Amino acid sequence: MVSESKGARRGPKPKPHTRDNLIRAGVQMLHEDGYTATGIKDIVDAAAVPKGSFYNHFESKESFGAEIVDFYFQSGFDELRQLLTGGALAPLERLRAYFEGRIVRYQEAGFVRGCMLGNLSLEVADHSALIRERLDAHFKTWSGLIEDCIVEAQQRGDIGNRIHASMLAQFLLNSWEGVLLRMRVEKSAAPLREFVEVVFDSLLV
């Protein structure tokens, strides 16, 4: 008979990947239902973990929300960077293809949810400095990739508009987040199509 070592832990072992399960459940729920409507109990129930497990990994719902913002953005960042910086397409073609691709995805999803960064900006930014800082950082990264495309297109002579690329990029991103709200209200791709038409037929020319 093998004797038990002193101090051996009894009882069930902690489930692996609990933190990841909470994050993934949180992303889905905050995107679908919003920050305020999603309680910690809802999150742990969806992740199938005890409520105490939440506080083993996150200090508060606010810190959890900040990590959700990071996870949401980082999960799509590689694709975003590849679409806007790589491939054989000219910079304006890459930028247009990016927005056209997003339109297809929103159509397939039934014009619901929109962008979680924009949603949380409306819902939480006035109430949480921590989440607001994360949102701001990710918007700046996103805008920076758009700016790089515009700079390259200006240098090639594809864009005659001499407004500074940084301002154009921020305007595009701000406008895009706005038309996503209209898309959700109208349940239509029309606001998104109008955005593409104005940007690529009038602004970036």
C-alpha atoms as a PDB file:
ATOM      1  CA  MET A   1       0.000   0.000   0.000  1.00  0.00           C
ATOM      2  CA  VAL A   2       1.393   3.367  -0.990  1.00  0.00           C
ATOM      3  CA  SER A   3       1.140   5.851   1.849  1.00  0.00           C
ATOM      4  CA  GLU A   4      -0.269   9.309   1.210  1.00  0.00           C
ATOM      5  CA  SER A   5       2.312  12.060   1.366  1.00  0.00           C
ATOM      6  CA  LYS A   6       1.841  14.545   4.160  1.00  0.00           C
ATOM      7  CA  GLY A   7       0.036  17.675   3.167  1.00  0.00           C
ATOM      8  CA  ALA A   8      -1.574  16.075   0.107  1.00  0.00           C
ATOM      9  CA  ARG A   9      -4.613  18.018  -1.039  1.00  0.00           C
ATOM     10  CA  ARG A  10      -7.902  16.231  -0.606  1.00  0.00           C
ATOM     11  CA  GLY A  11     -11.099  16.734  -2.496  1.00  0.00           C
ATOM     12  CA  PRO A  12     -11.714  17.546  -6.168  1.00  0.00           C
ATOM     13  CA  LYS A  13      -8.939  19.186  -8.107  1.00  0.00           C
ATOM     14  CA  PRO A  14      -9.577  22.624  -9.605  1.00  0.00           C
ATOM     15  CA  LYS A  15     -10.920  22.411 -13.121  1.00  0.00           C
ATOM     16  CA  PRO A  16      -8.374  23.460 -15.730  1.00  0.00           C
ATOM     17  CA  HIS A  17      -9.041  26.418 -17.992  1.00  0.00           C
ATOM     18  CA  THR A  18     -11.575  27.967 -15.613  1.00  0.00           C
ATOM     19  CA  ARG A  19     -10.286  31.446 -16.367  1.00  0.00           C
ATOM     20  CA  ASP A  20     -10.552  30.891 -20.123  1.00  0.00           C
ATOM     21  CA  ASN A  21     -14.070  29.530 -19.733  1.00  0.00           C
ATOM     22  CA  LEU A  22     -15.114  32.614 -17.776  1.00  0.00           C
ATOM     23  CA  ILE A  23     -13.565  34.945 -20.347  1.00  0.00           C
ATOM     24  CA  ARG A  24     -15.213  33.199 -23.292  1.00  0.00           C
ATOM     25  CA  ALA A  25     -18.586  33.128 -21.570  1.00  0.00           C
ATOM     26  CA  GLY A  26     -18.174  36.783 -20.678  1.00  0.00           C
ATOM     27  CA  VAL A  27     -17.342  37.849 -24.224  1.00  0.00           C
ATOM     28  CA  GLN A  28     -20.473  36.234 -25.575  1.00  0.00           C
ATOM     29  CA  MET A  29     -22.748  37.546 -22.836  1.00  0.00           C
ATOM     30  CA  LEU A  30     -21.418  41.110 -22.759  1.00  0.00           C
ATOM     31  CA  HIS A  31     -21.616  41.274 -26.541  1.00  0.00           C
ATOM     32  CA  GLU A  32     -25.174  39.957 -26.639  1.00  0.00           C
ATOM     33  CA  ASP A  33     -26.676  41.482 -23.476  1.00  0.00           C
ATOM     34  CA  GLY A  34     -24.353  44.304 -22.478  1.00  0.00           C
ATOM     35  CA  TYR A  35     -22.326  44.989 -19.356  1.00  0.00           C
ATOM     36  CA  THR A  36     -25.065  46.165 -17.022  1.00  0.00           C
ATOM     37  CA  ALA A  37     -27.518  43.384 -17.839  1.00  0.00           C
ATOM     38  CA  THR A  38     -24.908  40.671 -17.328  1.00  0.00           C
ATOM     39  CA  GLY A  39     -24.390  39.653 -13.706  1.00  0.00           C
ATOM     40  CA  ILE A  40     -21.553  37.621 -12.256  1.00  0.00           C
ATOM     41  CA  LYS A  41     -23.981  34.794 -11.528  1.00  0.00           C
ATOM     42  CA  ASP A  42     -24.988  34.758 -15.185  1.00  0.00           C
ATOM     43  CA  ILE A  43     -21.336  34.497 -16.194  1.00  0.00           C
ATOM     44  CA  VAL A  44     -20.394  31.681 -13.816  1.00  0.00           C
ATOM     45  CA  ASP A  45     -23.555  29.780 -14.704  1.00  0.00           C
ATOM     46  CA  ALA A  46     -22.740  30.062 -18.417  1.00  0.00           C
ATOM     47  CA  ALA A  47     -19.164  28.951 -17.752  1.00  0.00           C
ATOM     48  CA  ALA A  48     -20.402  26.134 -15.477  1.00  0.00           C
ATOM     49  CA  VAL A  49     -18.100  27.087 -12.609  1.00  0.00           C
ATOM     50  CA  PRO A  50     -18.763  27.950  -8.941  1.00  0.00           C
ATOM     51  CA  LYS A  51     -19.237  31.637  -8.150  1.00  0.00           C
ATOM     52  CA  GLY A  52     -16.170  31.599  -5.931  1.00  0.00           C
ATOM     53  CA  SER A  53     -14.047  30.681  -8.929  1.00  0.00           C
ATOM     54  CA  PHE A  54     -14.775  34.070 -10.442  1.00  0.00           C
ATOM     55  CA  TYR A  55     -13.077  35.892  -7.597  1.00  0.00           C
ATOM     56  CA  ASN A  56     -10.120  33.534  -7.728  1.00  0.00           C
ATOM     57  CA  HIS A  57      -9.303  35.067 -11.120  1.00  0.00           C
ATOM     58  CA  PHE A  58     -10.805  38.575 -11.147  1.00  0.00           C
ATOM     59  CA  GLU A  59     -10.902  41.247  -8.467  1.00  0.00           C
ATOM     60  CA  SER A  60     -14.245  42.639  -9.593  1.00  0.00           C
ATOM     61  CA  LYS A  61     -16.735  42.753 -12.412  1.00  0.00           C
ATOM     62  CA  GLU A  62     -14.990  45.923 -13.621  1.00  0.00           C
ATOM     63  CA  SER A  63     -11.592  44.203 -13.909  1.00  0.00           C
ATOM     64  CA  PHE A  64     -13.318  41.301 -15.638  1.00  0.00           C
ATOM     65  CA  GLY A  65     -14.916  43.722 -18.093  1.00  0.00           C
ATOM     66  CA  ALA A  66     -11.520  45.260 -18.867  1.00  0.00           C
ATOM     67  CA  GLU A  67     -10.108  41.826 -19.657  1.00  0.00           C
ATOM     68  CA  ILE A  68     -13.115  41.045 -21.829  1.00  0.00           C
ATOM     69  CA  VAL A  69     -12.367  44.181 -23.856  1.00  0.00           C
ATOM     70  CA  ASP A  70      -8.747  43.066 -24.275  1.00  0.00           C
ATOM     71  CA  PHE A  71      -9.718  39.536 -25.269  1.00  0.00           C
ATOM     72  CA  TYR A  72     -12.346  40.719 -27.759  1.00  0.00           C
ATOM     73  CA  PHE A  73      -9.915  43.029 -29.510  1.00  0.00           C
ATOM     74  CA  GLN A  74      -6.917  40.720 -29.449  1.00  0.00           C
ATOM     75  CA  SER A  75      -8.936  37.770 -30.776  1.00  0.00           C
ATOM     76  CA  GLY A  76      -9.475  39.647 -34.028  1.00  0.00           C
ATOM     77  CA  PHE A  77      -6.255  41.640 -34.131  1.00  0.00           C
ATOM     78  CA  ASP A  78      -4.154  39.264 -36.227  1.00  0.00           C
ATOM     79  CA  GLU A  79      -6.845  39.120 -38.905  1.00  0.00           C
ATOM     80  CA  LEU A  80      -7.274  42.893 -38.774  1.00  0.00           C
ATOM     81  CA  ARG A  81      -3.551  43.510 -39.167  1.00  0.00           C
ATOM     82  CA  GLN A  82      -3.219  40.995 -41.981  1.00  0.00           C
ATOM     83  CA  LEU A  83      -6.139  42.477 -43.913  1.00  0.00           C
ATOM     84  CA  LEU A  84      -4.894  46.042 -43.603  1.00  0.00           C
ATOM     85  CA  THR A  85      -1.155  45.540 -44.009  1.00  0.00           C
ATOM     86  CA  GLY A  86      -0.552  42.372 -45.995  1.00  0.00           C
ATOM     87  CA  GLY A  87      -1.240  40.860 -49.368  1.00  0.00           C
ATOM     88  CA  ALA A  88      -0.843  42.082 -52.927  1.00  0.00           C
ATOM     89  CA  LEU A  89      -3.729  44.561 -52.936  1.00  0.00           C
ATOM     90  CA  ALA A  90      -3.128  48.299 -53.080  1.00  0.00           C
ATOM     91  CA  PRO A  91      -3.720  50.057 -49.752  1.00  0.00           C
ATOM     92  CA  LEU A  92      -7.099  51.562 -50.687  1.00  0.00           C
ATOM     93  CA  GLU A  93      -8.256  48.202 -52.006  1.00  0.00           C
ATOM     94  CA  ARG A  94      -7.198  46.555 -48.737  1.00  0.00           C
ATOM     95  CA  LEU A  95      -9.080  49.140 -46.731  1.00  0.00           C
ATOM     96  CA  ARG A  96     -12.229  48.834 -48.817  1.00  0.00           C
ATOM     97  CA  ALA A  97     -12.050  45.019 -48.739  1.00  0.00           C
ATOM     98  CA  TYR A  98     -11.828  45.170 -44.952  1.00  0.00           C
ATOM     99  CA  PHE A  99     -15.026  47.182 -44.581  1.00  0.00           C
ATOM    100  CA  GLU A 100     -16.809  45.159 -47.256  1.00  0.00           C
ATOM    101  CA  GLY A 101     -15.899  41.996 -45.376  1.00  0.00           C
ATOM    102  CA  ARG A 102     -17.298  43.401 -42.148  1.00  0.00           C
ATOM    103  CA  ILE A 103     -20.555  44.226 -43.915  1.00  0.00           C
ATOM    104  CA  VAL A 104     -20.906  40.619 -45.057  1.00  0.00           C
ATOM    105  CA  ARG A 105     -20.376  39.377 -41.497  1.00  0.00           C
ATOM    106  CA  TYR A 106     -22.967  41.736 -40.058  1.00  0.00           C
ATOM    107  CA  GLN A 107     -25.444  40.681 -42.732  1.00  0.00           C
ATOM    108  CA  GLU A 108     -24.862  37.031 -41.890  1.00  0.00           C
ATOM    109  CA  ALA A 109     -25.387  37.787 -38.188  1.00  0.00           C
ATOM    110  CA  GLY A 110     -28.710  39.497 -38.859  1.00  0.00           C
ATOM    111  CA  PHE A 111     -27.479  43.032 -38.073  1.00  0.00           C
ATOM    112  CA  VAL A 112     -27.338  42.403 -34.331  1.00  0.00           C
ATOM    113  CA  ARG A 113     -24.798  43.212 -31.600  1.00  0.00           C
ATOM    114  CA  GLY A 114     -22.498  45.406 -33.677  1.00  0.00           C
ATOM    115  CA  CYS A 115     -19.016  46.132 -32.327  1.00  0.00           C
ATOM    116  CA  MET A 116     -18.558  45.402 -28.637  1.00  0.00           C
ATOM    117  CA  LEU A 117     -15.983  48.183 -28.303  1.00  0.00           C
ATOM    118  CA  GLY A 118     -18.559  50.681 -29.489  1.00  0.00           C
ATOM    119  CA  ASN A 119     -21.314  49.147 -27.381  1.00  0.00           C
ATOM    120  CA  LEU A 120     -19.265  49.340 -24.193  1.00  0.00           C
ATOM    121  CA  SER A 121     -18.138  52.856 -25.040  1.00  0.00           C
ATOM    122  CA  LEU A 122     -21.777  53.926 -24.902  1.00  0.00           C
ATOM    123  CA  GLU A 123     -22.651  51.891 -21.847  1.00  0.00           C
ATOM    124  CA  VAL A 124     -19.623  51.943 -19.566  1.00  0.00           C
ATOM    125  CA  ALA A 125     -17.096  54.622 -20.554  1.00  0.00           C
ATOM    126  CA  ASP A 126     -18.688  57.293 -18.343  1.00  0.00           C
ATOM    127  CA  HIS A 127     -18.645  55.000 -15.318  1.00  0.00           C
ATOM    128  CA  SER A 128     -15.381  53.033 -15.445  1.00  0.00           C
ATOM    129  CA  ALA A 129     -12.000  54.658 -15.972  1.00  0.00           C
ATOM    130  CA  LEU A 130     -10.377  51.229 -16.221  1.00  0.00           C
ATOM    131  CA  ILE A 131     -12.589  49.987 -19.057  1.00  0.00           C
ATOM    132  CA  ARG A 132     -12.490  53.390 -20.763  1.00  0.00           C
ATOM    133  CA  GLU A 133      -8.669  53.267 -20.857  1.00  0.00           C
ATOM    134  CA  ARG A 134      -8.716  49.823 -22.468  1.00  0.00           C
ATOM    135  CA  LEU A 135     -11.269  50.917 -25.048  1.00  0.00           C
ATOM    136  CA  ASP A 136      -9.245  54.011 -25.870  1.00  0.00           C
ATOM    137  CA  ALA A 137      -6.049  52.006 -26.319  1.00  0.00           C
ATOM    138  CA  HIS A 138      -7.674  49.529 -28.695  1.00  0.00           C
ATOM    139  CA  PHE A 139      -9.411  52.214 -30.734  1.00  0.00           C
ATOM    140  CA  LYS A 140      -6.036  53.926 -31.153  1.00  0.00           C
ATOM    141  CA  THR A 141      -4.415  50.694 -32.327  1.00  0.00           C
ATOM    142  CA  TRP A 142      -7.248  50.081 -34.781  1.00  0.00           C
ATOM    143  CA  SER A 143      -7.126  53.661 -36.039  1.00  0.00           C
ATOM    144  CA  GLY A 144      -3.351  53.378 -36.425  1.00  0.00           C
ATOM    145  CA  LEU A 145      -3.677  50.467 -38.842  1.00  0.00           C
ATOM    146  CA  ILE A 146      -6.210  52.403 -40.899  1.00  0.00           C
ATOM    147  CA  GLU A 147      -3.875  55.408 -40.838  1.00  0.00           C
ATOM    148  CA  ASP A 148      -1.006  53.308 -42.212  1.00  0.00           C
ATOM    149  CA  CYS A 149      -3.181  52.326 -45.181  1.00  0.00           C
ATOM    150  CA  ILE A 150      -4.108  55.930 -45.840  1.00  0.00           C
ATOM    151  CA  VAL A 151      -0.491  57.132 -45.575  1.00  0.00           C
ATOM    152  CA  GLU A 152       0.591  54.500 -48.076  1.00  0.00           C
ATOM    153  CA  ALA A 153      -2.243  55.432 -50.447  1.00  0.00           C
ATOM    154  CA  GLN A 154      -1.387  59.137 -50.189  1.00  0.00           C
ATOM    155  CA  GLN A 155       2.254  58.407 -50.933  1.00  0.00           C
ATOM    156  CA  ARG A 156       1.246  56.384 -54.003  1.00  0.00           C
ATOM    157  CA  GLY A 157      -0.971  59.202 -55.210  1.00  0.00           C
ATOM    158  CA  ASP A 158      -4.115  57.093 -54.864  1.00  0.00           C
ATOM    159  CA  ILE A 159      -5.598  59.652 -52.455  1.00  0.00           C
ATOM    160  CA  GLY A 160      -5.511  63.305 -53.433  1.00  0.00           C
ATOM    161  CA  ASN A 161      -7.118  64.452 -50.187  1.00  0.00           C
ATOM    162  CA  ARG A 162      -4.281  66.001 -48.178  1.00  0.00           C
ATOM    163  CA  ILE A 163      -6.031  66.011 -44.811  1.00  0.00           C
ATOM    164  CA  HIS A 164      -3.626  64.391 -42.382  1.00  0.00           C
ATOM    165  CA  ALA A 165      -3.882  60.612 -42.473  1.00  0.00           C
ATOM    166  CA  SER A 166      -4.351  60.418 -38.712  1.00  0.00           C
ATOM    167  CA  MET A 167      -7.407  62.673 -38.843  1.00  0.00           C
ATOM    168  CA  LEU A 168      -8.871  60.762 -41.792  1.00  0.00           C
ATOM    169  CA  ALA A 169      -8.347  57.443 -40.010  1.00  0.00           C
ATOM    170  CA  GLN A 170     -10.015  58.643 -36.834  1.00  0.00           C
ATOM    171  CA  PHE A 171     -12.915  60.078 -38.835  1.00  0.00           C
ATOM    172  CA  LEU A 172     -13.379  56.749 -40.624  1.00  0.00           C
ATOM    173  CA  LEU A 173     -13.384  54.758 -37.417  1.00  0.00           C
ATOM    174  CA  ASN A 174     -15.695  57.181 -35.626  1.00  0.00           C
ATOM    175  CA  SER A 175     -18.078  57.150 -38.582  1.00  0.00           C
ATOM    176  CA  TRP A 176     -17.988  53.367 -38.795  1.00  0.00           C
ATOM    177  CA  GLU A 177     -18.941  52.996 -35.149  1.00  0.00           C
ATOM    178  CA  GLY A 178     -21.809  55.415 -35.732  1.00  0.00           C
ATOM    179  CA  VAL A 179     -23.201  53.584 -38.742  1.00  0.00           C
ATOM    180  CA  LEU A 180     -23.086  50.324 -36.790  1.00  0.00           C
ATOM    181  CA  LEU A 181     -25.586  51.854 -34.379  1.00  0.00           C
ATOM    182  CA  ARG A 182     -27.839  52.861 -37.273  1.00  0.00           C
ATOM    183  CA  MET A 183     -27.464  49.378 -38.737  1.00  0.00           C
ATOM    184  CA  ARG A 184     -28.808  47.853 -35.534  1.00  0.00           C
ATOM    185  CA  VAL A 185     -31.747  50.261 -35.435  1.00  0.00           C
ATOM    186  CA  GLU A 186     -32.675  49.774 -39.090  1.00  0.00           C
ATOM    187  CA  LYS A 187     -31.707  46.073 -39.262  1.00  0.00           C
ATOM    188  CA  SER A 188     -30.261  46.867 -42.644  1.00  0.00           C
ATOM    189  CA  ALA A 189     -26.924  47.081 -44.440  1.00  0.00           C
ATOM    190  CA  ALA A 190     -27.933  50.433 -45.945  1.00  0.00           C
ATOM    191  CA  PRO A 191     -26.018  52.605 -43.419  1.00  0.00           C
ATOM    192  CA  LEU A 192     -22.912  50.474 -43.932  1.00  0.00           C
ATOM    193  CA  ARG A 193     -23.184  50.696 -47.712  1.00  0.00           C
ATOM    194  CA  GLU A 194     -23.622  54.446 -47.507  1.00  0.00           C
ATOM    195  CA  PHE A 195     -20.476  54.646 -45.374  1.00  0.00           C
ATOM    196  CA  VAL A 196     -18.452  52.761 -47.980  1.00  0.00           C
ATOM    197  CA  GLU A 197     -19.833  54.870 -50.822  1.00  0.00           C
ATOM    198  CA  VAL A 198     -19.079  58.197 -49.140  1.00  0.00           C
ATOM    199  CA  VAL A 199     -15.633  57.153 -47.898  1.00  0.00           C
ATOM    200  CA  PHE A 200     -14.300  55.572 -51.052  1.00  0.00           C
ATOM    201  CA  ASP A 201     -16.128  57.602 -53.704  1.00  0.00           C
ATOM    202  CA  SER A 202     -15.854  61.041 -52.104  1.00  0.00           C
ATOM    203  CA  LEU A 203     -13.505  61.237 -49.115  1.00  0.00           C
ATOM    204  CA  LEU A 204     -10.541  59.056 -50.019  1.00  0.00           C
ATOM    205  CA  VAL A 205     -10.105  60.225 -53.593  1.00  0.00           C
END
